PDB file of N, CA and C in Angstrom:
ATOM      1  N   MET A   1      30.927 -52.848 -60.743  1.00  0.00           N
ATOM      2  CA  MET A   1      31.403 -51.658 -61.328  1.00  0.00           C
ATOM      3  C   MET A   1      32.729 -51.886 -61.943  1.00  0.00           C
ATOM      4  N   SER A   2      32.783 -51.392 -63.200  1.00  0.00           N
ATOM      5  CA  SER A   2      34.012 -51.671 -64.006  1.00  0.00           C
ATOM      6  C   SER A   2      35.133 -50.733 -63.521  1.00  0.00           C
ATOM      7  N   SER A   3      36.337 -51.159 -63.636  1.00  0.00           N
ATOM      8  CA  SER A   3      37.492 -50.298 -63.187  1.00  0.00           C
ATOM      9  C   SER A   3      38.061 -49.536 -64.490  1.00  0.00           C
ATOM     10  N   ASN A   4      38.189 -48.235 -64.318  1.00  0.00           N
ATOM     11  CA  ASN A   4      38.827 -47.452 -65.273  1.00  0.00           C
ATOM     12  C   ASN A   4      40.284 -47.283 -64.973  1.00  0.00           C
ATOM     13  N   THR A   5      41.110 -47.969 -65.727  1.00  0.00           N
ATOM     14  CA  THR A   5      42.545 -48.054 -65.232  1.00  0.00           C
ATOM     15  C   THR A   5      43.451 -46.981 -65.851  1.00  0.00           C
ATOM     16  N   ASN A   6      42.815 -45.945 -66.590  1.00  0.00           N
ATOM     17  CA  ASN A   6      43.641 -44.978 -67.004  1.00  0.00           C
ATOM     18  C   ASN A   6      43.972 -44.005 -65.934  1.00  0.00           C
ATOM     19  N   SER A   7      44.920 -43.123 -66.061  1.00  0.00           N
ATOM     20  CA  SER A   7      45.467 -42.314 -64.905  1.00  0.00           C
ATOM     21  C   SER A   7      44.623 -40.983 -64.808  1.00  0.00           C
ATOM     22  N   GLU A   8      43.736 -40.741 -65.692  1.00  0.00           N
ATOM     23  CA  GLU A   8      42.982 -39.491 -65.640  1.00  0.00           C
ATOM     24  C   GLU A   8      41.853 -39.553 -64.629  1.00  0.00           C
ATOM     25  N   TRP A   9      41.854 -38.468 -63.867  1.00  0.00           N
ATOM     26  CA  TRP A   9      40.747 -38.355 -62.794  1.00  0.00           C
ATOM     27  C   TRP A   9      39.842 -37.250 -63.346  1.00  0.00           C
ATOM     28  N   THR A  10      38.542 -37.511 -63.247  1.00  0.00           N
ATOM     29  CA  THR A  10      37.661 -36.303 -63.591  1.00  0.00           C
ATOM     30  C   THR A  10      37.548 -35.492 -62.301  1.00  0.00           C
ATOM     31  N   ALA A  11      36.951 -34.266 -62.618  1.00  0.00           N
ATOM     32  CA  ALA A  11      36.730 -33.368 -61.470  1.00  0.00           C
ATOM     33  C   ALA A  11      35.752 -33.995 -60.473  1.00  0.00           C
ATOM     34  N   LYS A  12      34.757 -34.716 -60.989  1.00  0.00           N
ATOM     35  CA  LYS A  12      33.914 -35.421 -60.019  1.00  0.00           C
ATOM     36  C   LYS A  12      34.509 -36.458 -59.221  1.00  0.00           C
ATOM     37  N   GLN A  13      35.527 -37.256 -59.765  1.00  0.00           N
ATOM     38  CA  GLN A  13      36.270 -38.163 -59.026  1.00  0.00           C
ATOM     39  C   GLN A  13      37.177 -37.526 -57.899  1.00  0.00           C
ATOM     40  N   ASN A  14      37.732 -36.395 -58.397  1.00  0.00           N
ATOM     41  CA  ASN A  14      38.558 -35.676 -57.443  1.00  0.00           C
ATOM     42  C   ASN A  14      37.817 -35.162 -56.287  1.00  0.00           C
ATOM     43  N   LYS A  15      36.508 -34.765 -56.571  1.00  0.00           N
ATOM     44  CA  LYS A  15      35.646 -34.178 -55.470  1.00  0.00           C
ATOM     45  C   LYS A  15      35.244 -35.293 -54.601  1.00  0.00           C
ATOM     46  N   HIS A  16      34.896 -36.529 -55.076  1.00  0.00           N
ATOM     47  CA  HIS A  16      34.561 -37.633 -54.294  1.00  0.00           C
ATOM     48  C   HIS A  16      35.822 -38.133 -53.529  1.00  0.00           C
ATOM     49  N   PHE A  17      36.954 -38.032 -54.013  1.00  0.00           N
ATOM     50  CA  PHE A  17      38.260 -38.341 -53.350  1.00  0.00           C
ATOM     51  C   PHE A  17      38.425 -37.524 -52.130  1.00  0.00           C
ATOM     52  N   GLU A  18      38.296 -36.210 -52.326  1.00  0.00           N
ATOM     53  CA  GLU A  18      38.495 -35.128 -51.313  1.00  0.00           C
ATOM     54  C   GLU A  18      37.363 -35.436 -50.145  1.00  0.00           C
ATOM     55  N   ASP A  19      36.178 -35.565 -50.642  1.00  0.00           N
ATOM     56  CA  ASP A  19      35.048 -35.786 -49.572  1.00  0.00           C
ATOM     57  C   ASP A  19      35.329 -37.004 -48.727  1.00  0.00           C
ATOM     58  N   ALA A  20      35.862 -38.150 -49.384  1.00  0.00           N
ATOM     59  CA  ALA A  20      36.129 -39.383 -48.764  1.00  0.00           C
ATOM     60  C   ALA A  20      37.229 -39.293 -47.765  1.00  0.00           C
ATOM     61  N   LEU A  21      38.342 -38.479 -48.171  1.00  0.00           N
ATOM     62  CA  LEU A  21      39.437 -38.221 -47.161  1.00  0.00           C
ATOM     63  C   LEU A  21      38.864 -37.561 -45.948  1.00  0.00           C
ATOM     64  N   ALA A  22      37.926 -36.633 -46.084  1.00  0.00           N
ATOM     65  CA  ALA A  22      37.341 -36.074 -44.914  1.00  0.00           C
ATOM     66  C   ALA A  22      36.376 -36.790 -44.199  1.00  0.00           C
ATOM     67  N   THR A  23      35.879 -37.814 -44.832  1.00  0.00           N
ATOM     68  CA  THR A  23      34.803 -38.672 -44.149  1.00  0.00           C
ATOM     69  C   THR A  23      35.334 -39.885 -43.491  1.00  0.00           C
ATOM     70  N   TYR A  24      36.259 -40.578 -44.069  1.00  0.00           N
ATOM     71  CA  TYR A  24      36.620 -41.902 -43.524  1.00  0.00           C
ATOM     72  C   TYR A  24      37.830 -41.875 -42.640  1.00  0.00           C
ATOM     73  N   ASN A  25      37.843 -42.620 -41.634  1.00  0.00           N
ATOM     74  CA  ASN A  25      38.995 -42.631 -40.660  1.00  0.00           C
ATOM     75  C   ASN A  25      40.130 -43.378 -41.338  1.00  0.00           C
ATOM     76  N   LYS A  26      41.288 -42.646 -41.395  1.00  0.00           N
ATOM     77  CA  LYS A  26      42.511 -43.210 -41.905  1.00  0.00           C
ATOM     78  C   LYS A  26      43.032 -44.496 -41.110  1.00  0.00           C
ATOM     79  N   ASP A  27      42.648 -44.525 -39.874  1.00  0.00           N
ATOM     80  CA  ASP A  27      43.074 -45.687 -39.138  1.00  0.00           C
ATOM     81  C   ASP A  27      42.267 -46.957 -39.385  1.00  0.00           C
ATOM     82  N   SER A  28      41.142 -46.841 -40.156  1.00  0.00           N
ATOM     83  CA  SER A  28      40.316 -47.978 -40.468  1.00  0.00           C
ATOM     84  C   SER A  28      40.991 -48.987 -41.393  1.00  0.00           C
ATOM     85  N   PRO A  29      40.868 -50.246 -41.082  1.00  0.00           N
ATOM     86  CA  PRO A  29      41.593 -51.253 -41.962  1.00  0.00           C
ATOM     87  C   PRO A  29      41.019 -51.276 -43.410  1.00  0.00           C
ATOM     88  N   GLU A  30      39.783 -50.710 -43.598  1.00  0.00           N
ATOM     89  CA  GLU A  30      39.138 -50.708 -44.971  1.00  0.00           C
ATOM     90  C   GLU A  30      39.316 -49.348 -45.465  1.00  0.00           C
ATOM     91  N   TRP A  31      40.249 -48.511 -45.091  1.00  0.00           N
ATOM     92  CA  TRP A  31      40.351 -47.112 -45.587  1.00  0.00           C
ATOM     93  C   TRP A  31      40.478 -47.055 -47.044  1.00  0.00           C
ATOM     94  N   TRP A  32      41.487 -47.692 -47.577  1.00  0.00           N
ATOM     95  CA  TRP A  32      41.687 -47.608 -49.028  1.00  0.00           C
ATOM     96  C   TRP A  32      40.565 -48.109 -49.773  1.00  0.00           C
ATOM     97  N   GLN A  33      39.924 -49.106 -49.343  1.00  0.00           N
ATOM     98  CA  GLN A  33      38.714 -49.690 -50.174  1.00  0.00           C
ATOM     99  C   GLN A  33      37.645 -48.714 -49.994  1.00  0.00           C
ATOM    100  N   ASN A  34      37.354 -48.045 -48.860  1.00  0.00           N
ATOM    101  CA  ASN A  34      36.379 -47.062 -48.726  1.00  0.00           C
ATOM    102  C   ASN A  34      36.595 -45.837 -49.591  1.00  0.00           C
ATOM    103  N   LEU A  35      37.943 -45.510 -49.768  1.00  0.00           N
ATOM    104  CA  LEU A  35      38.224 -44.357 -50.660  1.00  0.00           C
ATOM    105  C   LEU A  35      37.927 -44.692 -52.093  1.00  0.00           C
ATOM    106  N   ALA A  36      38.402 -45.804 -52.549  1.00  0.00           N
ATOM    107  CA  ALA A  36      38.239 -46.349 -53.908  1.00  0.00           C
ATOM    108  C   ALA A  36      36.679 -46.560 -54.239  1.00  0.00           C
ATOM    109  N   ARG A  37      35.887 -47.038 -53.223  1.00  0.00           N
ATOM    110  CA  ARG A  37      34.500 -47.095 -53.480  1.00  0.00           C
ATOM    111  C   ARG A  37      33.867 -45.781 -53.639  1.00  0.00           C
ATOM    112  N   ALA A  38      34.177 -44.822 -52.795  1.00  0.00           N
ATOM    113  CA  ALA A  38      33.716 -43.460 -52.881  1.00  0.00           C
ATOM    114  C   ALA A  38      33.902 -42.761 -54.114  1.00  0.00           C
ATOM    115  N   VAL A  39      35.241 -42.947 -54.591  1.00  0.00           N
ATOM    116  CA  VAL A  39      35.593 -42.326 -55.804  1.00  0.00           C
ATOM    117  C   VAL A  39      34.764 -42.895 -57.076  1.00  0.00           C
ATOM    118  N   GLY A  40      34.876 -44.151 -57.124  1.00  0.00           N
ATOM    119  CA  GLY A  40      34.161 -44.920 -58.208  1.00  0.00           C
ATOM    120  C   GLY A  40      34.982 -44.909 -59.451  1.00  0.00           C
ATOM    121  N   GLY A  41      35.009 -46.207 -59.992  1.00  0.00           N
ATOM    122  CA  GLY A  41      35.847 -46.319 -61.334  1.00  0.00           C
ATOM    123  C   GLY A  41      37.341 -46.283 -61.084  1.00  0.00           C
ATOM    124  N   LYS A  42      37.849 -46.416 -59.927  1.00  0.00           N
ATOM    125  CA  LYS A  42      39.318 -46.416 -59.657  1.00  0.00           C
ATOM    126  C   LYS A  42      39.578 -47.642 -58.815  1.00  0.00           C
ATOM    127  N   THR A  43      40.704 -48.240 -58.972  1.00  0.00           N
ATOM    128  CA  THR A  43      41.103 -49.269 -58.096  1.00  0.00           C
ATOM    129  C   THR A  43      41.865 -48.851 -56.902  1.00  0.00           C
ATOM    130  N   VAL A  44      41.928 -49.636 -55.898  1.00  0.00           N
ATOM    131  CA  VAL A  44      42.659 -49.261 -54.610  1.00  0.00           C
ATOM    132  C   VAL A  44      44.075 -48.827 -55.013  1.00  0.00           C
ATOM    133  N   GLU A  45      44.732 -49.559 -55.865  1.00  0.00           N
ATOM    134  CA  GLU A  45      46.114 -48.945 -56.356  1.00  0.00           C
ATOM    135  C   GLU A  45      46.151 -47.679 -56.890  1.00  0.00           C
ATOM    136  N   GLU A  46      45.234 -47.381 -57.789  1.00  0.00           N
ATOM    137  CA  GLU A  46      45.123 -46.019 -58.266  1.00  0.00           C
ATOM    138  C   GLU A  46      44.787 -44.928 -57.307  1.00  0.00           C
ATOM    139  N   VAL A  47      43.968 -45.252 -56.302  1.00  0.00           N
ATOM    140  CA  VAL A  47      43.627 -44.364 -55.211  1.00  0.00           C
ATOM    141  C   VAL A  47      44.922 -44.094 -54.475  1.00  0.00           C
ATOM    142  N   LYS A  48      45.647 -45.196 -54.107  1.00  0.00           N
ATOM    143  CA  LYS A  48      46.987 -45.038 -53.268  1.00  0.00           C
ATOM    144  C   LYS A  48      47.866 -44.171 -54.158  1.00  0.00           C
ATOM    145  N   ARG A  49      47.968 -44.345 -55.429  1.00  0.00           N
ATOM    146  CA  ARG A  49      48.866 -43.555 -56.148  1.00  0.00           C
ATOM    147  C   ARG A  49      48.487 -42.019 -56.369  1.00  0.00           C
ATOM    148  N   HIS A  50      47.122 -41.810 -56.272  1.00  0.00           N
ATOM    149  CA  HIS A  50      46.603 -40.411 -56.323  1.00  0.00           C
ATOM    150  C   HIS A  50      46.897 -39.673 -54.856  1.00  0.00           C
ATOM    151  N   TYR A  51      46.796 -40.512 -53.897  1.00  0.00           N
ATOM    152  CA  TYR A  51      47.095 -40.064 -52.516  1.00  0.00           C
ATOM    153  C   TYR A  51      48.566 -39.672 -52.391  1.00  0.00           C
ATOM    154  N   ARG A  52      49.430 -40.618 -52.876  1.00  0.00           N
ATOM    155  CA  ARG A  52      50.818 -40.243 -52.753  1.00  0.00           C
ATOM    156  C   ARG A  52      51.211 -38.948 -53.465  1.00  0.00           C
ATOM    157  N   ASN A  53      50.538 -38.764 -54.628  1.00  0.00           N
ATOM    158  CA  ASN A  53      50.745 -37.601 -55.498  1.00  0.00           C
ATOM    159  C   ASN A  53      50.172 -36.302 -54.701  1.00  0.00           C
ATOM    160  N   LEU A  54      49.155 -36.453 -54.108  1.00  0.00           N
ATOM    161  CA  LEU A  54      48.565 -35.501 -53.220  1.00  0.00           C
ATOM    162  C   LEU A  54      49.579 -35.044 -52.116  1.00  0.00           C
ATOM    163  N   LEU A  55      50.050 -35.995 -51.487  1.00  0.00           N
ATOM    164  CA  LEU A  55      50.987 -35.729 -50.329  1.00  0.00           C
ATOM    165  C   LEU A  55      52.227 -35.174 -50.952  1.00  0.00           C
ATOM    166  N   ARG A  56      52.861 -35.416 -52.022  1.00  0.00           N
ATOM    167  CA  ARG A  56      53.875 -34.868 -52.683  1.00  0.00           C
ATOM    168  C   ARG A  56      53.698 -33.451 -53.080  1.00  0.00           C
ATOM    169  N   ASP A  57      52.524 -33.169 -53.489  1.00  0.00           N
ATOM    170  CA  ASP A  57      52.075 -31.849 -53.919  1.00  0.00           C
ATOM    171  C   ASP A  57      51.982 -30.888 -52.666  1.00  0.00           C
ATOM    172  N   ILE A  58      51.456 -31.508 -51.638  1.00  0.00           N
ATOM    173  CA  ILE A  58      51.295 -30.619 -50.373  1.00  0.00           C
ATOM    174  C   ILE A  58      52.755 -30.378 -49.815  1.00  0.00           C
ATOM    175  N   ASP A  59      53.671 -31.367 -49.877  1.00  0.00           N
ATOM    176  CA  ASP A  59      55.031 -31.164 -49.472  1.00  0.00           C
ATOM    177  C   ASP A  59      55.697 -30.141 -50.284  1.00  0.00           C
ATOM    178  N   GLN A  60      55.597 -30.060 -51.438  1.00  0.00           N
ATOM    179  CA  GLN A  60      56.153 -29.044 -52.351  1.00  0.00           C
ATOM    180  C   GLN A  60      55.506 -27.686 -51.980  1.00  0.00           C
ATOM    181  N   ILE A  61      54.381 -27.605 -51.791  1.00  0.00           N
ATOM    182  CA  ILE A  61      53.687 -26.293 -51.537  1.00  0.00           C
ATOM    183  C   ILE A  61      54.259 -25.786 -50.198  1.00  0.00           C
ATOM    184  N   GLU A  62      54.142 -26.747 -49.139  1.00  0.00           N
ATOM    185  CA  GLU A  62      54.665 -26.213 -47.878  1.00  0.00           C
ATOM    186  C   GLU A  62      56.104 -25.905 -47.784  1.00  0.00           C
ATOM    187  N   SER A  63      56.827 -26.436 -48.617  1.00  0.00           N
ATOM    188  CA  SER A  63      58.280 -26.229 -48.611  1.00  0.00           C
ATOM    189  C   SER A  63      58.600 -25.075 -49.415  1.00  0.00           C
ATOM    190  N   GLY A  64      57.743 -24.388 -49.951  1.00  0.00           N
ATOM    191  CA  GLY A  64      57.893 -23.252 -50.838  1.00  0.00           C
ATOM    192  C   GLY A  64      58.413 -23.510 -52.233  1.00  0.00           C
ATOM    193  N   LYS A  65      58.211 -24.633 -52.738  1.00  0.00           N
ATOM    194  CA  LYS A  65      58.743 -24.977 -54.129  1.00  0.00           C
ATOM    195  C   LYS A  65      57.722 -24.659 -55.069  1.00  0.00           C
ATOM    196  N   VAL A  66      56.566 -24.305 -54.669  1.00  0.00           N
ATOM    197  CA  VAL A  66      55.522 -23.887 -55.512  1.00  0.00           C
ATOM    198  C   VAL A  66      55.188 -22.371 -55.365  1.00  0.00           C
ATOM    199  N   PRO A  67      55.275 -21.517 -56.140  1.00  0.00           N
ATOM    200  CA  PRO A  67      55.022 -20.168 -55.826  1.00  0.00           C
ATOM    201  C   PRO A  67      53.500 -19.910 -55.505  1.00  0.00           C
ATOM    202  N   VAL A  68      53.254 -18.990 -54.617  1.00  0.00           N
ATOM    203  CA  VAL A  68      51.886 -18.625 -54.329  1.00  0.00           C
ATOM    204  C   VAL A  68      51.298 -17.782 -55.450  1.00  0.00           C
ATOM    205  N   PRO A  69      50.135 -18.120 -55.973  1.00  0.00           N
ATOM    206  CA  PRO A  69      49.629 -17.386 -57.057  1.00  0.00           C
ATOM    207  C   PRO A  69      49.234 -15.882 -56.552  1.00  0.00           C
ATOM    208  N   ASN A  70      49.358 -14.973 -57.560  1.00  0.00           N
ATOM    209  CA  ASN A  70      49.010 -13.587 -57.168  1.00  0.00           C
ATOM    210  C   ASN A  70      47.525 -13.365 -57.653  1.00  0.00           C
ATOM    211  N   TYR A  71      46.629 -13.712 -56.808  1.00  0.00           N
ATOM    212  CA  TYR A  71      45.185 -13.520 -57.211  1.00  0.00           C
ATOM    213  C   TYR A  71      44.813 -12.235 -57.321  1.00  0.00           C
ATOM    214  N   ARG A  72      43.893 -11.900 -58.162  1.00  0.00           N
ATOM    215  CA  ARG A  72      43.371 -10.530 -58.303  1.00  0.00           C
ATOM    216  C   ARG A  72      41.963 -10.500 -57.546  1.00  0.00           C
ATOM    217  N   ASP A  73      41.829  -9.497 -56.755  1.00  0.00           N
ATOM    218  CA  ASP A  73      40.596  -9.267 -56.052  1.00  0.00           C
ATOM    219  C   ASP A  73      39.512  -8.682 -57.101  1.00  0.00           C
ATOM    220  N   THR A  74      38.460  -9.472 -57.418  1.00  0.00           N
ATOM    221  CA  THR A  74      37.729  -9.168 -58.446  1.00  0.00           C
ATOM    222  C   THR A  74      36.622  -8.039 -57.873  1.00  0.00           C
ATOM    223  N   THR A  75      36.531  -7.811 -56.730  1.00  0.00           N
ATOM    224  CA  THR A  75      35.581  -6.809 -56.255  1.00  0.00           C
ATOM    225  C   THR A  75      35.997  -5.338 -56.538  1.00  0.00           C
ATOM    226  N   ASN A  76      37.350  -5.125 -56.352  1.00  0.00           N
ATOM    227  CA  ASN A  76      37.728  -3.802 -56.624  1.00  0.00           C
ATOM    228  C   ASN A  76      39.006  -3.704 -57.602  1.00  0.00           C
ATOM    229  N   GLY A  77      39.404  -4.733 -58.162  1.00  0.00           N
ATOM    230  CA  GLY A  77      40.446  -4.721 -59.252  1.00  0.00           C
ATOM    231  C   GLY A  77      41.857  -4.844 -58.645  1.00  0.00           C
ATOM    232  N   ARG A  78      41.942  -4.777 -57.366  1.00  0.00           N
ATOM    233  CA  ARG A  78      43.316  -4.722 -56.628  1.00  0.00           C
ATOM    234  C   ARG A  78      43.778  -6.195 -56.456  1.00  0.00           C
ATOM    235  N   ARG A  79      45.058  -6.256 -56.419  1.00  0.00           N
ATOM    236  CA  ARG A  79      45.734  -7.590 -56.135  1.00  0.00           C
ATOM    237  C   ARG A  79      45.694  -7.923 -54.740  1.00  0.00           C
ATOM    238  N   MET A  80      45.529  -9.204 -54.347  1.00  0.00           N
ATOM    239  CA  MET A  80      45.500  -9.528 -53.021  1.00  0.00           C
ATOM    240  C   MET A  80      46.732  -9.879 -52.460  1.00  0.00           C
TER     241      MET A  80
END
């Protein structure tokens, strides 16, 4: 499988990444390789970078630095 070294991740790759995070044991010595294999088209280093970005995003959300969206309830037009 060839490696796509650009930083863009497709929706499919993101979904595979999320599924792999839920599937593979982080304590496994092959964790990064398993994640990269599950994503497809990304190197271990790209997966590590993507994971660090995810952790940073989660930290910003949990620390209140990202505003909670004001979703509209589509069933009756009211804001949730």
